[in-house]
Amino acid sequence: MVSYPMTLQGAEKLRSELSELKSVARPRVIQAIAEAREHGDLKENAEYHAAREEQGFIEGRIADIEGKLSNAQVIDILDLTPNGKIVFGATVELINEDTDEKVTYQIVGDDEADLKENKISVNSPVARALIGKVEGDVASVDAPGGIIEYEVISVKYI
């Protein structure tokens, strides 16, 4: 059985999306299908086919979310003992040793990753290089453009 690590916030976001799909999107598409059926011949009814396609997407997403939540390993970063090591859920501040550019990332589950919010997947090359490091360590990341070295400036459990 595959376990999906996710933060408490990520699990709440998935639960919220699931609730929205079940209570709003599903009834809306069922109503759209019923209205399209009233228009007659289903073979050439574009509204009907579009609604059925949307229903398939919604039901697939519901099944996907339910599966992930049932196999989720929810980790609350605030419950961890702060020992300075980079672990799942930690927020790390790094400095690129070549460019002196500072970046801050939170290491999260695959479904939560969003570079715009500085959240990287635990399975990303950067996160894999960082796990287990402490402040002052240097992590080498094998990127497509070559090796990038990041120095760990700080590790926070927030």
N, C-alpha and C. Protein backbone atom coordinates (compact mmCIF):
# COMPACT_ATOMS: atom_id res chain seq x y z
N MET A 1 0.84 -1.19 0.00
CA MET A 1 0.00 0.00 0.00
C MET A 1 0.89 1.25 0.00
N VAL A 2 0.58 2.18 -0.89
CA VAL A 2 1.35 3.40 -1.01
C VAL A 2 0.84 4.42 0.00
N SER A 3 1.76 5.04 0.71
CA SER A 3 1.42 6.06 1.69
C SER A 3 1.77 7.42 1.09
N TYR A 4 0.87 8.38 1.22
CA TYR A 4 1.09 9.72 0.70
C TYR A 4 1.39 10.67 1.85
N PRO A 5 2.65 11.11 1.99
CA PRO A 5 2.93 12.08 3.05
C PRO A 5 2.36 13.44 2.67
N MET A 6 1.74 14.09 3.63
CA MET A 6 1.23 15.44 3.39
C MET A 6 1.17 16.19 4.71
N THR A 7 1.25 17.50 4.59
CA THR A 7 1.16 18.33 5.78
C THR A 7 -0.30 18.42 6.21
N LEU A 8 -0.52 18.87 7.41
CA LEU A 8 -1.87 19.06 7.93
C LEU A 8 -2.64 20.04 7.05
N GLN A 9 -1.97 21.11 6.60
CA GLN A 9 -2.61 22.10 5.75
C GLN A 9 -2.99 21.49 4.40
N GLY A 10 -2.13 20.64 3.85
CA GLY A 10 -2.40 19.99 2.58
C GLY A 10 -3.59 19.06 2.67
N ALA A 11 -3.69 18.32 3.78
CA ALA A 11 -4.83 17.42 3.98
C ALA A 11 -6.12 18.22 4.09
N GLU A 12 -6.09 19.34 4.80
CA GLU A 12 -7.28 20.18 4.94
C GLU A 12 -7.71 20.75 3.59
N LYS A 13 -6.74 21.13 2.76
CA LYS A 13 -7.04 21.66 1.44
C LYS A 13 -7.72 20.59 0.57
N LEU A 14 -7.22 19.35 0.64
CA LEU A 14 -7.84 18.25 -0.11
C LEU A 14 -9.25 17.96 0.40
N ARG A 15 -9.44 17.97 1.72
CA ARG A 15 -10.77 17.74 2.28
C ARG A 15 -11.75 18.83 1.82
N SER A 16 -11.26 20.06 1.77
CA SER A 16 -12.10 21.17 1.32
C SER A 16 -12.48 21.00 -0.15
N GLU A 17 -11.52 20.61 -0.99
CA GLU A 17 -11.82 20.38 -2.40
C GLU A 17 -12.81 19.24 -2.56
N LEU A 18 -12.65 18.18 -1.78
CA LEU A 18 -13.55 17.03 -1.83
C LEU A 18 -14.97 17.46 -1.46
N SER A 19 -15.10 18.24 -0.42
CA SER A 19 -16.41 18.72 0.01
C SER A 19 -17.05 19.58 -1.08
N GLU A 20 -16.26 20.45 -1.70
CA GLU A 20 -16.76 21.30 -2.78
C GLU A 20 -17.24 20.46 -3.96
N LEU A 21 -16.46 19.44 -4.33
CA LEU A 21 -16.84 18.58 -5.45
C LEU A 21 -18.14 17.83 -5.16
N LYS A 22 -18.26 17.30 -3.94
CA LYS A 22 -19.44 16.51 -3.60
C LYS A 22 -20.69 17.36 -3.40
N SER A 23 -20.55 18.52 -2.79
CA SER A 23 -21.74 19.30 -2.44
C SER A 23 -22.13 20.35 -3.47
N VAL A 24 -21.21 20.76 -4.35
CA VAL A 24 -21.53 21.80 -5.32
C VAL A 24 -21.40 21.29 -6.76
N ALA A 25 -20.23 20.81 -7.11
CA ALA A 25 -19.96 20.44 -8.51
C ALA A 25 -20.78 19.23 -8.96
N ARG A 26 -20.85 18.20 -8.13
CA ARG A 26 -21.60 16.99 -8.52
C ARG A 26 -23.09 17.30 -8.74
N PRO A 27 -23.78 17.97 -7.81
CA PRO A 27 -25.19 18.29 -8.05
C PRO A 27 -25.40 19.19 -9.27
N ARG A 28 -24.46 20.13 -9.50
CA ARG A 28 -24.57 21.03 -10.64
C ARG A 28 -24.49 20.25 -11.95
N VAL A 29 -23.57 19.30 -12.06
CA VAL A 29 -23.43 18.55 -13.31
C VAL A 29 -24.59 17.57 -13.49
N ILE A 30 -25.11 17.03 -12.41
CA ILE A 30 -26.28 16.15 -12.51
C ILE A 30 -27.47 16.94 -13.05
N GLN A 31 -27.64 18.16 -12.57
CA GLN A 31 -28.71 19.03 -13.07
C GLN A 31 -28.50 19.36 -14.54
N ALA A 32 -27.25 19.61 -14.94
CA ALA A 32 -26.95 19.92 -16.34
C ALA A 32 -27.26 18.73 -17.24
N ILE A 33 -26.98 17.52 -16.78
CA ILE A 33 -27.29 16.32 -17.55
C ILE A 33 -28.80 16.17 -17.70
N ALA A 34 -29.53 16.39 -16.62
CA ALA A 34 -30.99 16.28 -16.67
C ALA A 34 -31.59 17.29 -17.65
N GLU A 35 -31.09 18.52 -17.64
CA GLU A 35 -31.58 19.54 -18.57
C GLU A 35 -31.25 19.18 -20.01
N ALA A 36 -30.05 18.65 -20.23
CA ALA A 36 -29.64 18.29 -21.58
C ALA A 36 -30.48 17.12 -22.12
N ARG A 37 -30.87 16.21 -21.24
CA ARG A 37 -31.71 15.07 -21.66
C ARG A 37 -33.08 15.55 -22.13
N GLU A 38 -33.55 16.62 -21.54
CA GLU A 38 -34.86 17.15 -21.92
C GLU A 38 -34.87 17.73 -23.33
N HIS A 39 -33.69 18.03 -23.87
CA HIS A 39 -33.59 18.61 -25.21
C HIS A 39 -33.74 17.57 -26.31
N GLY A 40 -33.89 16.31 -25.96
CA GLY A 40 -34.17 15.30 -26.98
C GLY A 40 -32.99 14.42 -27.33
N ASP A 41 -32.79 14.18 -28.62
CA ASP A 41 -31.82 13.23 -29.17
C ASP A 41 -30.44 13.38 -28.52
N LEU A 42 -30.02 12.35 -27.77
CA LEU A 42 -28.76 12.40 -27.04
C LEU A 42 -27.55 12.18 -27.94
N LYS A 43 -27.73 11.55 -29.09
CA LYS A 43 -26.60 11.26 -29.98
C LYS A 43 -25.94 12.53 -30.49
N GLU A 44 -26.71 13.55 -30.75
CA GLU A 44 -26.18 14.78 -31.32
C GLU A 44 -26.33 15.96 -30.35
N ASN A 45 -26.44 15.66 -29.07
CA ASN A 45 -26.64 16.70 -28.08
C ASN A 45 -25.30 17.05 -27.44
N ALA A 46 -24.69 18.14 -27.87
CA ALA A 46 -23.37 18.55 -27.38
C ALA A 46 -23.39 18.89 -25.89
N GLU A 47 -24.47 19.50 -25.43
CA GLU A 47 -24.58 19.85 -24.01
C GLU A 47 -24.54 18.59 -23.15
N TYR A 48 -25.24 17.57 -23.59
CA TYR A 48 -25.28 16.30 -22.85
C TYR A 48 -23.89 15.68 -22.79
N HIS A 49 -23.22 15.62 -23.92
CA HIS A 49 -21.89 15.00 -23.95
C HIS A 49 -20.87 15.79 -23.12
N ALA A 50 -20.97 17.11 -23.16
CA ALA A 50 -20.08 17.95 -22.35
C ALA A 50 -20.34 17.73 -20.86
N ALA A 51 -21.61 17.66 -20.49
CA ALA A 51 -21.95 17.45 -19.08
C ALA A 51 -21.49 16.07 -18.60
N ARG A 52 -21.65 15.05 -19.46
CA ARG A 52 -21.20 13.70 -19.09
C ARG A 52 -19.68 13.64 -18.95
N GLU A 53 -18.98 14.37 -19.82
CA GLU A 53 -17.52 14.42 -19.73
C GLU A 53 -17.10 15.10 -18.43
N GLU A 54 -17.76 16.20 -18.09
CA GLU A 54 -17.46 16.90 -16.84
C GLU A 54 -17.77 16.00 -15.64
N GLN A 55 -18.86 15.25 -15.72
CA GLN A 55 -19.21 14.32 -14.64
C GLN A 55 -18.12 13.28 -14.45
N GLY A 56 -17.60 12.76 -15.56
CA GLY A 56 -16.52 11.78 -15.48
C GLY A 56 -15.28 12.36 -14.81
N PHE A 57 -14.95 13.61 -15.15
CA PHE A 57 -13.81 14.28 -14.53
C PHE A 57 -14.03 14.45 -13.03
N ILE A 58 -15.21 14.93 -12.65
CA ILE A 58 -15.53 15.17 -11.24
C ILE A 58 -15.48 13.87 -10.44
N GLU A 59 -16.09 12.81 -10.96
CA GLU A 59 -16.09 11.53 -10.25
C GLU A 59 -14.68 10.96 -10.13
N GLY A 60 -13.86 11.15 -11.17
CA GLY A 60 -12.47 10.69 -11.12
C GLY A 60 -11.67 11.44 -10.08
N ARG A 61 -11.88 12.75 -10.01
CA ARG A 61 -11.16 13.57 -9.02
C ARG A 61 -11.60 13.22 -7.61
N ILE A 62 -12.90 12.97 -7.42
CA ILE A 62 -13.40 12.56 -6.10
C ILE A 62 -12.73 11.25 -5.68
N ALA A 63 -12.69 10.28 -6.58
CA ALA A 63 -12.06 8.99 -6.26
C ALA A 63 -10.57 9.16 -5.96
N ASP A 64 -9.90 10.03 -6.73
CA ASP A 64 -8.47 10.27 -6.52
C ASP A 64 -8.22 10.88 -5.14
N ILE A 65 -8.99 11.90 -4.79
CA ILE A 65 -8.82 12.57 -3.48
C ILE A 65 -9.14 11.60 -2.34
N GLU A 66 -10.24 10.86 -2.46
CA GLU A 66 -10.60 9.91 -1.40
C GLU A 66 -9.50 8.86 -1.21
N GLY A 67 -8.92 8.39 -2.32
CA GLY A 67 -7.84 7.41 -2.23
C GLY A 67 -6.62 7.98 -1.54
N LYS A 68 -6.26 9.21 -1.89
CA LYS A 68 -5.09 9.83 -1.27
C LYS A 68 -5.31 10.10 0.21
N LEU A 69 -6.51 10.58 0.55
CA LEU A 69 -6.79 10.86 1.96
C LEU A 69 -6.84 9.58 2.79
N SER A 70 -7.34 8.49 2.19
CA SER A 70 -7.41 7.24 2.96
C SER A 70 -6.03 6.64 3.19
N ASN A 71 -5.07 6.96 2.31
CA ASN A 71 -3.71 6.45 2.46
C ASN A 71 -2.73 7.54 2.90
N ALA A 72 -3.26 8.66 3.37
CA ALA A 72 -2.41 9.80 3.75
C ALA A 72 -1.69 9.54 5.06
N GLN A 73 -0.47 9.99 5.07
CA GLN A 73 0.31 10.03 6.30
C GLN A 73 0.44 11.52 6.63
N VAL A 74 -0.53 12.02 7.41
CA VAL A 74 -0.58 13.45 7.71
C VAL A 74 0.44 13.76 8.80
N ILE A 75 1.30 14.72 8.49
CA ILE A 75 2.38 15.10 9.41
C ILE A 75 2.17 16.56 9.81
N ASP A 76 1.99 16.78 11.09
CA ASP A 76 1.87 18.14 11.61
C ASP A 76 3.26 18.57 12.06
N ILE A 77 3.84 19.51 11.35
CA ILE A 77 5.20 19.95 11.62
C ILE A 77 5.35 20.50 13.03
N LEU A 78 4.26 21.05 13.59
CA LEU A 78 4.34 21.62 14.94
C LEU A 78 4.48 20.54 16.01
N ASP A 79 4.14 19.29 15.68
CA ASP A 79 4.28 18.20 16.64
C ASP A 79 5.68 17.61 16.66
N LEU A 80 6.53 17.98 15.69
CA LEU A 80 7.88 17.43 15.64
C LEU A 80 8.79 18.14 16.63
N THR A 81 9.77 17.41 17.12
CA THR A 81 10.76 17.99 18.03
C THR A 81 11.77 18.77 17.20
N PRO A 82 11.90 20.07 17.44
CA PRO A 82 12.85 20.85 16.66
C PRO A 82 14.28 20.47 17.01
N ASN A 83 14.93 19.72 16.11
CA ASN A 83 16.30 19.31 16.36
C ASN A 83 17.26 19.91 15.33
N GLY A 84 16.75 20.79 14.48
CA GLY A 84 17.60 21.46 13.51
C GLY A 84 17.78 20.72 12.20
N LYS A 85 17.31 19.48 12.11
CA LYS A 85 17.45 18.71 10.87
C LYS A 85 16.32 19.06 9.91
N ILE A 86 16.64 19.02 8.62
CA ILE A 86 15.63 19.23 7.60
C ILE A 86 14.85 17.94 7.44
N VAL A 87 13.55 18.04 7.67
CA VAL A 87 12.64 16.90 7.55
C VAL A 87 11.42 17.34 6.75
N PHE A 88 10.55 16.37 6.44
CA PHE A 88 9.31 16.68 5.74
C PHE A 88 8.55 17.75 6.53
N GLY A 89 8.09 18.78 5.83
CA GLY A 89 7.32 19.85 6.45
C GLY A 89 8.14 21.04 6.90
N ALA A 90 9.46 20.87 7.00
CA ALA A 90 10.31 21.97 7.46
C ALA A 90 10.38 23.07 6.41
N THR A 91 10.56 24.28 6.88
CA THR A 91 10.79 25.43 6.01
C THR A 91 12.27 25.77 6.10
N VAL A 92 12.93 25.81 4.95
CA VAL A 92 14.38 26.02 4.95
C VAL A 92 14.73 27.26 4.15
N GLU A 93 15.70 27.99 4.66
CA GLU A 93 16.25 29.13 3.93
C GLU A 93 17.62 28.72 3.43
N LEU A 94 17.82 28.92 2.13
CA LEU A 94 19.05 28.48 1.48
C LEU A 94 19.70 29.65 0.76
N ILE A 95 20.99 29.50 0.52
CA ILE A 95 21.69 30.47 -0.32
C ILE A 95 22.45 29.69 -1.38
N ASN A 96 22.27 30.11 -2.64
CA ASN A 96 22.97 29.49 -3.75
C ASN A 96 24.42 29.97 -3.66
N GLU A 97 25.36 29.04 -3.54
CA GLU A 97 26.76 29.42 -3.33
C GLU A 97 27.38 30.09 -4.54
N ASP A 98 26.84 29.87 -5.73
CA ASP A 98 27.39 30.49 -6.94
C ASP A 98 26.85 31.89 -7.17
N THR A 99 25.55 32.08 -6.94
CA THR A 99 24.92 33.36 -7.26
C THR A 99 24.60 34.21 -6.04
N ASP A 100 24.78 33.67 -4.84
CA ASP A 100 24.42 34.34 -3.57
C ASP A 100 22.93 34.67 -3.49
N GLU A 101 22.11 33.98 -4.27
CA GLU A 101 20.66 34.17 -4.25
C GLU A 101 20.06 33.38 -3.10
N LYS A 102 19.22 34.07 -2.30
CA LYS A 102 18.55 33.41 -1.18
C LYS A 102 17.20 32.90 -1.63
N VAL A 103 16.85 31.70 -1.20
CA VAL A 103 15.53 31.12 -1.47
C VAL A 103 15.02 30.47 -0.20
N THR A 104 13.72 30.43 -0.06
CA THR A 104 13.08 29.77 1.07
C THR A 104 12.08 28.77 0.52
N TYR A 105 12.15 27.53 1.01
CA TYR A 105 11.23 26.48 0.57
C TYR A 105 10.64 25.77 1.77
N GLN A 106 9.42 25.29 1.60
CA GLN A 106 8.84 24.35 2.55
C GLN A 106 8.75 23.02 1.82
N ILE A 107 9.17 21.95 2.48
CA ILE A 107 9.14 20.61 1.89
C ILE A 107 7.79 19.98 2.22
N VAL A 108 7.01 19.69 1.15
CA VAL A 108 5.65 19.20 1.31
C VAL A 108 5.42 17.96 0.44
N GLY A 109 4.21 17.42 0.50
CA GLY A 109 3.84 16.27 -0.31
C GLY A 109 3.67 16.63 -1.78
N ASP A 110 3.61 15.62 -2.63
CA ASP A 110 3.52 15.84 -4.08
C ASP A 110 2.32 16.69 -4.47
N ASP A 111 1.16 16.46 -3.86
CA ASP A 111 -0.05 17.20 -4.23
C ASP A 111 -0.05 18.64 -3.74
N GLU A 112 0.80 18.95 -2.79
CA GLU A 112 0.83 20.30 -2.23
C GLU A 112 1.86 21.19 -2.90
N ALA A 113 2.80 20.59 -3.63
CA ALA A 113 3.90 21.34 -4.20
C ALA A 113 3.40 22.46 -5.11
N ASP A 114 3.95 23.65 -4.90
CA ASP A 114 3.59 24.82 -5.70
C ASP A 114 4.75 25.80 -5.60
N LEU A 115 5.52 25.91 -6.67
CA LEU A 115 6.70 26.75 -6.65
C LEU A 115 6.37 28.22 -6.42
N LYS A 116 5.16 28.65 -6.84
CA LYS A 116 4.76 30.04 -6.63
C LYS A 116 4.63 30.34 -5.14
N GLU A 117 4.30 29.31 -4.35
CA GLU A 117 4.18 29.48 -2.90
C GLU A 117 5.44 28.99 -2.18
N ASN A 118 6.50 28.71 -2.94
CA ASN A 118 7.77 28.20 -2.40
C ASN A 118 7.60 26.88 -1.66
N LYS A 119 6.71 26.04 -2.16
CA LYS A 119 6.51 24.71 -1.60
C LYS A 119 7.01 23.69 -2.62
N ILE A 120 8.00 22.88 -2.20
CA ILE A 120 8.56 21.89 -3.11
C ILE A 120 8.24 20.49 -2.63
N SER A 121 8.09 19.59 -3.59
CA SER A 121 7.76 18.20 -3.28
C SER A 121 8.92 17.51 -2.58
N VAL A 122 8.57 16.66 -1.64
CA VAL A 122 9.57 15.88 -0.93
C VAL A 122 10.34 14.98 -1.89
N ASN A 123 9.77 14.71 -3.06
CA ASN A 123 10.42 13.86 -4.06
C ASN A 123 11.22 14.65 -5.09
N SER A 124 11.27 15.97 -4.96
CA SER A 124 12.03 16.78 -5.90
C SER A 124 13.53 16.62 -5.63
N PRO A 125 14.37 16.85 -6.65
CA PRO A 125 15.82 16.73 -6.43
C PRO A 125 16.35 17.65 -5.33
N VAL A 126 15.81 18.86 -5.24
CA VAL A 126 16.27 19.79 -4.20
C VAL A 126 15.93 19.25 -2.82
N ALA A 127 14.69 18.82 -2.62
CA ALA A 127 14.28 18.30 -1.31
C ALA A 127 15.06 17.04 -0.94
N ARG A 128 15.25 16.16 -1.89
CA ARG A 128 16.01 14.93 -1.60
C ARG A 128 17.43 15.24 -1.18
N ALA A 129 18.03 16.29 -1.76
CA ALA A 129 19.38 16.68 -1.38
C ALA A 129 19.41 17.34 0.00
N LEU A 130 18.28 17.95 0.41
CA LEU A 130 18.25 18.68 1.67
C LEU A 130 17.89 17.82 2.89
N ILE A 131 17.09 16.78 2.70
CA ILE A 131 16.63 15.97 3.83
C ILE A 131 17.82 15.47 4.65
N GLY A 132 17.74 15.72 5.97
CA GLY A 132 18.79 15.27 6.88
C GLY A 132 19.88 16.29 7.14
N LYS A 133 19.93 17.35 6.35
CA LYS A 133 20.95 18.39 6.54
C LYS A 133 20.55 19.29 7.71
N VAL A 134 21.55 20.02 8.23
CA VAL A 134 21.33 20.98 9.32
C VAL A 134 21.90 22.33 8.89
N GLU A 135 21.65 23.35 9.71
CA GLU A 135 22.18 24.68 9.41
C GLU A 135 23.69 24.61 9.21
N GLY A 136 24.16 25.28 8.16
CA GLY A 136 25.59 25.32 7.87
C GLY A 136 26.04 24.26 6.87
N ASP A 137 25.24 23.20 6.69
CA ASP A 137 25.58 22.16 5.72
C ASP A 137 25.41 22.69 4.29
N VAL A 138 26.10 22.03 3.37
CA VAL A 138 25.96 22.36 1.96
C VAL A 138 25.33 21.16 1.27
N ALA A 139 24.28 21.44 0.49
CA ALA A 139 23.59 20.38 -0.25
C ALA A 139 23.88 20.56 -1.73
N SER A 140 24.30 19.48 -2.37
CA SER A 140 24.56 19.51 -3.81
C SER A 140 23.36 18.94 -4.54
N VAL A 141 22.82 19.73 -5.47
CA VAL A 141 21.64 19.33 -6.23
C VAL A 141 22.07 19.09 -7.68
N ASP A 142 21.78 17.89 -8.17
CA ASP A 142 22.10 17.57 -9.56
C ASP A 142 20.98 18.08 -10.45
N ALA A 143 21.16 19.28 -11.00
CA ALA A 143 20.15 19.92 -11.85
C ALA A 143 20.51 19.72 -13.32
N PRO A 144 19.54 19.92 -14.22
CA PRO A 144 19.83 19.76 -15.64
C PRO A 144 20.98 20.65 -16.13
N GLY A 145 21.16 21.81 -15.52
CA GLY A 145 22.23 22.73 -15.92
C GLY A 145 23.54 22.46 -15.22
N GLY A 146 23.60 21.42 -14.42
CA GLY A 146 24.81 21.09 -13.67
C GLY A 146 24.54 21.04 -12.17
N ILE A 147 25.60 20.87 -11.42
CA ILE A 147 25.49 20.78 -9.96
C ILE A 147 25.29 22.18 -9.37
N ILE A 148 24.27 22.30 -8.51
CA ILE A 148 24.02 23.56 -7.80
C ILE A 148 24.22 23.27 -6.32
N GLU A 149 24.99 24.11 -5.68
CA GLU A 149 25.24 23.92 -4.25
C GLU A 149 24.53 25.00 -3.45
N TYR A 150 23.76 24.52 -2.47
CA TYR A 150 23.03 25.42 -1.58
C TYR A 150 23.56 25.25 -0.17
N GLU A 151 23.80 26.36 0.51
CA GLU A 151 24.15 26.32 1.92
C GLU A 151 22.88 26.54 2.71
N VAL A 152 22.68 25.73 3.74
CA VAL A 152 21.49 25.83 4.59
C VAL A 152 21.70 26.96 5.58
N ILE A 153 20.88 27.99 5.48
CA ILE A 153 20.97 29.15 6.38
C ILE A 153 20.17 28.93 7.65
N SER A 154 18.91 28.46 7.47
CA SER A 154 18.08 28.21 8.64
C SER A 154 17.06 27.11 8.35
N VAL A 155 16.64 26.46 9.43
CA VAL A 155 15.63 25.41 9.38
C VAL A 155 14.56 25.77 10.39
N LYS A 156 13.30 25.90 9.91
CA LYS A 156 12.21 26.27 10.81
C LYS A 156 11.11 25.22 10.73
N TYR A 157 10.48 24.99 11.85
CA TYR A 157 9.34 24.07 11.93
C TYR A 157 8.09 24.90 12.16
N ILE A 158 7.59 25.52 11.10
CA ILE A 158 6.42 26.41 11.23
C ILE A 158 5.27 25.93 10.37
